[in-house]
Amino acid sequence: MMTTGSFFTLLGYLTGGLVFYFAARRKRIATEGVGYVALAGVCGGVLGARLTQWALLHWPDFAANPLVVFDPRAGGRALLGGIAGGWLAVELVKWRLGLRRSTGDLFALALPAGEAVGRIGCFLNGCCHGMPTNVPWAIYQHDTWRHPTQIYSAVFAAALFAVLLALRKRLTKEGVLFKAYLGWYGAGRFVIEFYRADRVPTGPLSLVQWCCLSMMAYAWLLPLVWKAKILKERKCR
């Protein structure tokens, strides 16, 4: 029997899918091939997210029964792993279909929209919970009062969706909107990670935070480096 938390998790995927479809229609690329790309993104994202979560936090259970990643009641939705898994699946399908046009901007709106709804499922399921705290807005989960990190993530995702939706008419060059999503998502998740209880520490930061820094560097720092290099080459000429 489906729980309320599982319902919101599935509703999050449906929301992301609908936003992807309408974004594709707006760009007039809502073709069958793009539909396969969307399906690949969802399947690769789900598998990548669950494998990442279980490999990092629940390895004994995963090793004993690898099929547990397909159990919707078992939790395990690491969004960073989902982004990586979804990107790999999308690129493989695009290569197989011979599609060369960038589709990242379609996911730039779909991902935060889906997360904003799906994190409510995390809240109701009790996964992705926060560190113990005494703040006035703390919630009681896992036998103590904690930061509502699921709500933090949902609110941030909704705000990010609204910002990107407002900016999409300005960021018209293909791929730029997706880089904006990666950069801002990385920044937001970097901060929220300090309040989560399931952090995997690797030195001064968690593994997720190092990944977030890499995302921000790719989205913001790398384009600046390339732009500076191009300007330098033009001056030399």
C-alpha atoms as a PDB file:
ATOM      1  CA  MET A   1       0.000   0.000   0.000  1.00  0.00           C
ATOM      2  CA  MET A   2       1.376   3.405  -1.002  1.00  0.00           C
ATOM      3  CA  THR A   3       2.166   5.748   1.878  1.00  0.00           C
ATOM      4  CA  THR A   4       1.622   9.505   1.786  1.00  0.00           C
ATOM      5  CA  GLY A   5       5.373  10.023   1.608  1.00  0.00           C
ATOM      6  CA  SER A   6       5.712   7.691  -1.389  1.00  0.00           C
ATOM      7  CA  PHE A   7       2.807   9.503  -3.062  1.00  0.00           C
ATOM      8  CA  PHE A   8       4.608  12.853  -2.829  1.00  0.00           C
ATOM      9  CA  THR A   9       7.820  11.243  -4.054  1.00  0.00           C
ATOM     10  CA  LEU A  10       6.055   9.941  -7.156  1.00  0.00           C
ATOM     11  CA  LEU A  11       4.237  13.272  -7.518  1.00  0.00           C
ATOM     12  CA  GLY A  12       7.643  14.953  -7.566  1.00  0.00           C
ATOM     13  CA  TYR A  13       8.709  12.825 -10.533  1.00  0.00           C
ATOM     14  CA  LEU A  14       5.417  13.571 -12.288  1.00  0.00           C
ATOM     15  CA  THR A  15       5.830  17.308 -11.663  1.00  0.00           C
ATOM     16  CA  GLY A  16       9.338  17.260 -13.079  1.00  0.00           C
ATOM     17  CA  GLY A  17       8.126  15.326 -16.116  1.00  0.00           C
ATOM     18  CA  LEU A  18       5.322  17.791 -16.826  1.00  0.00           C
ATOM     19  CA  VAL A  19       7.662  20.789 -16.501  1.00  0.00           C
ATOM     20  CA  PHE A  20      10.110  19.081 -18.875  1.00  0.00           C
ATOM     21  CA  TYR A  21       7.326  18.476 -21.401  1.00  0.00           C
ATOM     22  CA  PHE A  22       6.027  22.065 -21.351  1.00  0.00           C
ATOM     23  CA  ALA A  23       9.584  23.417 -21.576  1.00  0.00           C
ATOM     24  CA  ALA A  24      10.164  21.204 -24.624  1.00  0.00           C
ATOM     25  CA  ARG A  25       6.916  22.411 -26.193  1.00  0.00           C
ATOM     26  CA  ARG A  26       7.966  26.005 -25.629  1.00  0.00           C
ATOM     27  CA  LYS A  27      11.207  25.331 -27.500  1.00  0.00           C
ATOM     28  CA  ARG A  28       9.270  23.364 -30.132  1.00  0.00           C
ATOM     29  CA  ILE A  29      11.333  20.229 -29.592  1.00  0.00           C
ATOM     30  CA  ALA A  30       8.680  18.046 -27.939  1.00  0.00           C
ATOM     31  CA  THR A  31       9.525  15.147 -30.265  1.00  0.00           C
ATOM     32  CA  GLU A  32       9.556  11.405 -29.705  1.00  0.00           C
ATOM     33  CA  GLY A  33      13.342  11.470 -29.426  1.00  0.00           C
ATOM     34  CA  VAL A  34      13.243  14.113 -26.704  1.00  0.00           C
ATOM     35  CA  GLY A  35      10.655  11.968 -24.940  1.00  0.00           C
ATOM     36  CA  TYR A  36      13.155   9.100 -24.872  1.00  0.00           C
ATOM     37  CA  VAL A  37      15.736  11.526 -23.501  1.00  0.00           C
ATOM     38  CA  ALA A  38      13.363  12.523 -20.687  1.00  0.00           C
ATOM     39  CA  LEU A  39      12.625   8.887 -19.872  1.00  0.00           C
ATOM     40  CA  ALA A  40      16.346   8.105 -19.819  1.00  0.00           C
ATOM     41  CA  GLY A  41      16.946  11.046 -17.488  1.00  0.00           C
ATOM     42  CA  VAL A  42      14.293   9.819 -15.043  1.00  0.00           C
ATOM     43  CA  CYS A  43      15.415   6.178 -15.071  1.00  0.00           C
ATOM     44  CA  GLY A  44      19.121   7.035 -14.869  1.00  0.00           C
ATOM     45  CA  GLY A  45      18.443   9.629 -12.199  1.00  0.00           C
ATOM     46  CA  VAL A  46      16.419   7.283  -9.996  1.00  0.00           C
ATOM     47  CA  LEU A  47      18.961   4.484 -10.284  1.00  0.00           C
ATOM     48  CA  GLY A  48      21.933   6.804  -9.774  1.00  0.00           C
ATOM     49  CA  ALA A  49      20.325   8.458  -6.740  1.00  0.00           C
ATOM     50  CA  ARG A  50      19.417   5.233  -5.018  1.00  0.00           C
ATOM     51  CA  LEU A  51      22.725   3.511  -5.755  1.00  0.00           C
ATOM     52  CA  THR A  52      24.639   6.506  -4.401  1.00  0.00           C
ATOM     53  CA  GLN A  53      22.599   6.689  -1.210  1.00  0.00           C
ATOM     54  CA  TRP A  54      22.750   2.999  -0.493  1.00  0.00           C
ATOM     55  CA  ALA A  55      26.426   2.660  -1.388  1.00  0.00           C
ATOM     56  CA  LEU A  56      27.421   5.505   0.951  1.00  0.00           C
ATOM     57  CA  LEU A  57      25.069   5.015   3.884  1.00  0.00           C
ATOM     58  CA  HIS A  58      23.541   1.542   3.750  1.00  0.00           C
ATOM     59  CA  TRP A  59      26.214  -0.597   2.125  1.00  0.00           C
ATOM     60  CA  PRO A  60      25.680  -3.743   4.285  1.00  0.00           C
ATOM     61  CA  ASP A  61      21.975  -3.840   3.373  1.00  0.00           C
ATOM     62  CA  PHE A  62      22.748  -3.151  -0.278  1.00  0.00           C
ATOM     63  CA  ALA A  63      25.468  -5.825  -0.419  1.00  0.00           C
ATOM     64  CA  ALA A  64      23.118  -8.395   1.138  1.00  0.00           C
ATOM     65  CA  ASN A  65      20.287  -7.609  -1.272  1.00  0.00           C
ATOM     66  CA  PRO A  66      21.091  -5.334  -4.269  1.00  0.00           C
ATOM     67  CA  LEU A  67      17.422  -5.383  -5.333  1.00  0.00           C
ATOM     68  CA  VAL A  68      16.600  -3.249  -2.282  1.00  0.00           C
ATOM     69  CA  VAL A  69      17.349  -0.143  -4.387  1.00  0.00           C
ATOM     70  CA  PHE A  70      14.115  -0.794  -6.287  1.00  0.00           C
ATOM     71  CA  ASP A  71      12.001  -0.906  -3.114  1.00  0.00           C
ATOM     72  CA  PRO A  72      10.119   2.446  -2.909  1.00  0.00           C
ATOM     73  CA  ARG A  73       9.741   2.018   0.865  1.00  0.00           C
ATOM     74  CA  ALA A  74      13.480   1.759   1.468  1.00  0.00           C
ATOM     75  CA  GLY A  75      14.452   5.414   1.015  1.00  0.00           C
ATOM     76  CA  GLY A  76      17.630   6.463  -0.698  1.00  0.00           C
ATOM     77  CA  ARG A  77      17.279   9.429  -3.014  1.00  0.00           C
ATOM     78  CA  ALA A  78      20.646  11.190  -3.215  1.00  0.00           C
ATOM     79  CA  LEU A  79      19.952  13.981  -5.703  1.00  0.00           C
ATOM     80  CA  LEU A  80      23.600  14.547  -6.624  1.00  0.00           C
ATOM     81  CA  GLY A  81      23.933  10.897  -7.586  1.00  0.00           C
ATOM     82  CA  GLY A  82      20.679  11.276  -9.466  1.00  0.00           C
ATOM     83  CA  ILE A  83      21.992  14.218 -11.469  1.00  0.00           C
ATOM     84  CA  ALA A  84      25.115  12.257 -12.405  1.00  0.00           C
ATOM     85  CA  GLY A  85      23.165   9.108 -13.267  1.00  0.00           C
ATOM     86  CA  GLY A  86      20.566  11.047 -15.221  1.00  0.00           C
ATOM     87  CA  TRP A  87      23.217  12.976 -17.167  1.00  0.00           C
ATOM     88  CA  LEU A  88      25.021   9.763 -18.132  1.00  0.00           C
ATOM     89  CA  ALA A  89      21.795   8.071 -19.238  1.00  0.00           C
ATOM     90  CA  VAL A  90      20.727  11.129 -21.255  1.00  0.00           C
ATOM     91  CA  GLU A  91      24.069  11.374 -23.045  1.00  0.00           C
ATOM     92  CA  LEU A  92      24.004   7.675 -23.913  1.00  0.00           C
ATOM     93  CA  VAL A  93      20.475   7.891 -25.337  1.00  0.00           C
ATOM     94  CA  LYS A  94      21.274  11.083 -27.268  1.00  0.00           C
ATOM     95  CA  TRP A  95      24.345   9.375 -28.739  1.00  0.00           C
ATOM     96  CA  ARG A  96      22.281   6.316 -29.666  1.00  0.00           C
ATOM     97  CA  LEU A  97      19.581   8.441 -31.319  1.00  0.00           C
ATOM     98  CA  GLY A  98      22.034  10.813 -32.977  1.00  0.00           C
ATOM     99  CA  LEU A  99      20.684  13.874 -31.154  1.00  0.00           C
ATOM    100  CA  ARG A 100      23.188  16.720 -30.903  1.00  0.00           C
ATOM    101  CA  ARG A 101      21.081  19.581 -29.602  1.00  0.00           C
ATOM    102  CA  SER A 102      21.521  20.490 -25.939  1.00  0.00           C
ATOM    103  CA  THR A 103      18.653  19.372 -23.683  1.00  0.00           C
ATOM    104  CA  GLY A 104      20.094  20.548 -20.374  1.00  0.00           C
ATOM    105  CA  ASP A 105      17.914  23.664 -20.181  1.00  0.00           C
ATOM    106  CA  LEU A 106      14.805  21.465 -20.148  1.00  0.00           C
ATOM    107  CA  PHE A 107      16.104  19.655 -17.064  1.00  0.00           C
ATOM    108  CA  ALA A 108      17.124  22.987 -15.469  1.00  0.00           C
ATOM    109  CA  LEU A 109      13.462  23.729 -14.769  1.00  0.00           C
ATOM    110  CA  ALA A 110      12.245  20.159 -14.309  1.00  0.00           C
ATOM    111  CA  LEU A 111      14.750  19.202 -11.591  1.00  0.00           C
ATOM    112  CA  PRO A 112      13.981  21.963  -9.047  1.00  0.00           C
ATOM    113  CA  ALA A 113      10.240  21.698  -9.720  1.00  0.00           C
ATOM    114  CA  GLY A 114      10.313  17.970  -9.060  1.00  0.00           C
ATOM    115  CA  GLU A 115      12.508  18.350  -5.986  1.00  0.00           C
ATOM    116  CA  ALA A 116      10.250  21.004  -4.462  1.00  0.00           C
ATOM    117  CA  VAL A 117       7.405  18.472  -4.410  1.00  0.00           C
ATOM    118  CA  GLY A 118       9.457  15.327  -3.841  1.00  0.00           C
ATOM    119  CA  ARG A 119      11.138  16.676  -0.702  1.00  0.00           C
ATOM    120  CA  ILE A 120       7.716  16.719   0.957  1.00  0.00           C
ATOM    121  CA  GLY A 121       7.826  12.961   0.484  1.00  0.00           C
ATOM    122  CA  CYS A 122      11.234  12.905   2.202  1.00  0.00           C
ATOM    123  CA  PHE A 123       9.745  14.868   5.100  1.00  0.00           C
ATOM    124  CA  LEU A 124       6.823  12.477   5.487  1.00  0.00           C
ATOM    125  CA  ASN A 125       9.045   9.402   5.098  1.00  0.00           C
ATOM    126  CA  GLY A 126      11.510  10.724   7.687  1.00  0.00           C
ATOM    127  CA  CYS A 127      14.523  10.319   5.396  1.00  0.00           C
ATOM    128  CA  CYS A 128      17.129  13.021   4.670  1.00  0.00           C
ATOM    129  CA  HIS A 129      16.533  14.299   8.212  1.00  0.00           C
ATOM    130  CA  GLY A 130      18.461  17.060   9.940  1.00  0.00           C
ATOM    131  CA  MET A 131      20.816  17.400  12.873  1.00  0.00           C
ATOM    132  CA  PRO A 132      19.420  17.727  16.420  1.00  0.00           C
ATOM    133  CA  THR A 133      18.622  21.334  17.309  1.00  0.00           C
ATOM    134  CA  ASN A 134      16.643  23.604  19.638  1.00  0.00           C
ATOM    135  CA  VAL A 135      15.530  26.155  17.040  1.00  0.00           C
ATOM    136  CA  PRO A 136      11.839  27.194  17.349  1.00  0.00           C
ATOM    137  CA  TRP A 137      10.929  25.591  14.013  1.00  0.00           C
ATOM    138  CA  ALA A 138      12.504  22.208  14.840  1.00  0.00           C
ATOM    139  CA  ILE A 139      10.513  19.054  14.052  1.00  0.00           C
ATOM    140  CA  TYR A 140      10.395  15.826  16.048  1.00  0.00           C
ATOM    141  CA  GLN A 141      11.876  12.975  14.034  1.00  0.00           C
ATOM    142  CA  HIS A 142      13.896   9.898  14.999  1.00  0.00           C
ATOM    143  CA  ASP A 143      13.385  10.403  18.747  1.00  0.00           C
ATOM    144  CA  THR A 144      14.607  14.003  18.953  1.00  0.00           C
ATOM    145  CA  TRP A 145      14.025  17.560  17.710  1.00  0.00           C
ATOM    146  CA  ARG A 146      15.815  18.220  14.434  1.00  0.00           C
ATOM    147  CA  HIS A 147      16.343  20.762  11.660  1.00  0.00           C
ATOM    148  CA  PRO A 148      13.616  20.259   9.015  1.00  0.00           C
ATOM    149  CA  THR A 149      16.209  19.902   6.257  1.00  0.00           C
ATOM    150  CA  GLN A 150      13.657  18.351   3.919  1.00  0.00           C
ATOM    151  CA  ILE A 151      11.603  21.547   4.143  1.00  0.00           C
ATOM    152  CA  TYR A 152      14.743  23.655   3.704  1.00  0.00           C
ATOM    153  CA  SER A 153      15.448  21.754   0.489  1.00  0.00           C
ATOM    154  CA  ALA A 154      11.842  22.018  -0.736  1.00  0.00           C
ATOM    155  CA  VAL A 155      11.674  25.780  -0.166  1.00  0.00           C
ATOM    156  CA  PHE A 156      15.070  26.345  -1.781  1.00  0.00           C
ATOM    157  CA  ALA A 157      14.117  24.209  -4.808  1.00  0.00           C
ATOM    158  CA  ALA A 158      10.864  26.136  -5.256  1.00  0.00           C
ATOM    159  CA  ALA A 159      12.709  29.454  -5.047  1.00  0.00           C
ATOM    160  CA  LEU A 160      15.348  28.234  -7.508  1.00  0.00           C
ATOM    161  CA  PHE A 161      12.645  27.144  -9.950  1.00  0.00           C
ATOM    162  CA  ALA A 162      11.015  30.587  -9.724  1.00  0.00           C
ATOM    163  CA  VAL A 163      14.328  32.370 -10.329  1.00  0.00           C
ATOM    164  CA  LEU A 164      15.281  30.196 -13.312  1.00  0.00           C
ATOM    165  CA  LEU A 165      11.795  30.557 -14.766  1.00  0.00           C
ATOM    166  CA  ALA A 166      12.166  34.345 -14.593  1.00  0.00           C
ATOM    167  CA  LEU A 167      15.654  34.222 -16.131  1.00  0.00           C
ATOM    168  CA  ARG A 168      15.002  31.826 -18.999  1.00  0.00           C
ATOM    169  CA  LYS A 169      14.117  34.657 -21.416  1.00  0.00           C
ATOM    170  CA  ARG A 170      17.452  36.345 -20.684  1.00  0.00           C
ATOM    171  CA  LEU A 171      19.609  33.219 -20.682  1.00  0.00           C
ATOM    172  CA  THR A 172      18.813  32.298 -24.268  1.00  0.00           C
ATOM    173  CA  LYS A 173      22.080  30.576 -25.207  1.00  0.00           C
ATOM    174  CA  GLU A 174      21.603  26.824 -25.029  1.00  0.00           C
ATOM    175  CA  GLY A 175      23.117  25.224 -21.958  1.00  0.00           C
ATOM    176  CA  VAL A 176      23.463  28.420 -19.926  1.00  0.00           C
ATOM    177  CA  LEU A 177      20.250  27.909 -17.951  1.00  0.00           C
ATOM    178  CA  PHE A 178      21.358  24.423 -16.947  1.00  0.00           C
ATOM    179  CA  LYS A 179      24.723  25.734 -15.787  1.00  0.00           C
ATOM    180  CA  ALA A 180      22.883  28.353 -13.741  1.00  0.00           C
ATOM    181  CA  TYR A 181      20.871  25.551 -12.149  1.00  0.00           C
ATOM    182  CA  LEU A 182      24.010  23.550 -11.343  1.00  0.00           C
ATOM    183  CA  GLY A 183      25.742  26.553  -9.809  1.00  0.00           C
ATOM    184  CA  TRP A 184      22.860  27.702  -7.638  1.00  0.00           C
ATOM    185  CA  TYR A 185      21.806  24.206  -6.673  1.00  0.00           C
ATOM    186  CA  GLY A 186      25.381  23.438  -5.643  1.00  0.00           C
ATOM    187  CA  ALA A 187      25.501  26.593  -3.514  1.00  0.00           C
ATOM    188  CA  GLY A 188      22.180  25.904  -1.818  1.00  0.00           C
ATOM    189  CA  ARG A 189      22.878  22.244  -1.147  1.00  0.00           C
ATOM    190  CA  PHE A 190      26.350  23.145   0.172  1.00  0.00           C
ATOM    191  CA  VAL A 191      24.728  25.255   2.906  1.00  0.00           C
ATOM    192  CA  ILE A 192      21.882  22.850   3.700  1.00  0.00           C
ATOM    193  CA  GLU A 193      24.371  19.995   4.035  1.00  0.00           C
ATOM    194  CA  PHE A 194      25.719  21.532   7.254  1.00  0.00           C
ATOM    195  CA  TYR A 195      22.350  20.810   8.898  1.00  0.00           C
ATOM    196  CA  ARG A 196      21.813  17.250   7.642  1.00  0.00           C
ATOM    197  CA  ALA A 197      22.393  14.239   9.864  1.00  0.00           C
ATOM    198  CA  ASP A 198      23.412  11.829   7.100  1.00  0.00           C
ATOM    199  CA  ARG A 199      26.602  13.666   6.129  1.00  0.00           C
ATOM    200  CA  VAL A 200      29.565  11.545   5.014  1.00  0.00           C
ATOM    201  CA  PRO A 201      32.595  13.506   6.332  1.00  0.00           C
ATOM    202  CA  THR A 202      35.712  13.655   4.170  1.00  0.00           C
ATOM    203  CA  GLY A 203      38.043  16.119   5.858  1.00  0.00           C
ATOM    204  CA  PRO A 204      36.622  19.543   6.738  1.00  0.00           C
ATOM    205  CA  LEU A 205      33.616  19.030   4.449  1.00  0.00           C
ATOM    206  CA  SER A 206      31.276  16.210   3.540  1.00  0.00           C
ATOM    207  CA  LEU A 207      31.518  14.255   0.304  1.00  0.00           C
ATOM    208  CA  VAL A 208      28.383  15.992  -0.975  1.00  0.00           C
ATOM    209  CA  GLN A 209      29.867  19.423  -0.238  1.00  0.00           C
ATOM    210  CA  TRP A 210      32.989  18.616  -2.239  1.00  0.00           C
ATOM    211  CA  CYS A 211      30.720  17.626  -5.118  1.00  0.00           C
ATOM    212  CA  CYS A 212      28.803  20.889  -4.698  1.00  0.00           C
ATOM    213  CA  LEU A 213      32.026  22.877  -4.931  1.00  0.00           C
ATOM    214  CA  SER A 214      32.864  21.007  -8.136  1.00  0.00           C
ATOM    215  CA  MET A 215      29.440  21.870  -9.556  1.00  0.00           C
ATOM    216  CA  MET A 216      29.866  25.542  -8.701  1.00  0.00           C
ATOM    217  CA  ALA A 217      33.341  25.582 -10.245  1.00  0.00           C
ATOM    218  CA  TYR A 218      32.016  23.975 -13.436  1.00  0.00           C
ATOM    219  CA  ALA A 219      29.056  26.347 -13.659  1.00  0.00           C
ATOM    220  CA  TRP A 220      30.702  29.630 -12.635  1.00  0.00           C
ATOM    221  CA  LEU A 221      34.490  29.442 -12.524  1.00  0.00           C
ATOM    222  CA  LEU A 222      35.223  27.450 -15.690  1.00  0.00           C
ATOM    223  CA  PRO A 223      33.268  29.811 -18.019  1.00  0.00           C
ATOM    224  CA  LEU A 224      35.163  32.784 -16.553  1.00  0.00           C
ATOM    225  CA  VAL A 225      38.485  31.044 -17.155  1.00  0.00           C
ATOM    226  CA  TRP A 226      37.593  30.281 -20.753  1.00  0.00           C
ATOM    227  CA  LYS A 227      36.341  33.831 -21.317  1.00  0.00           C
ATOM    228  CA  ALA A 228      39.571  35.280 -19.908  1.00  0.00           C
ATOM    229  CA  LYS A 229      41.585  32.946 -22.121  1.00  0.00           C
ATOM    230  CA  ILE A 230      39.659  34.001 -25.239  1.00  0.00           C
ATOM    231  CA  LEU A 231      40.093  37.707 -24.415  1.00  0.00           C
ATOM    232  CA  LYS A 232      43.824  37.182 -23.884  1.00  0.00           C
ATOM    233  CA  GLU A 233      44.182  35.416 -27.219  1.00  0.00           C
ATOM    234  CA  ARG A 234      42.331  38.258 -28.981  1.00  0.00           C
ATOM    235  CA  LYS A 235      44.650  40.846 -27.420  1.00  0.00           C
ATOM    236  CA  CYS A 236      47.690  38.878 -28.522  1.00  0.00           C
ATOM    237  CA  ARG A 237      46.466  38.968 -32.098  1.00  0.00           C
END
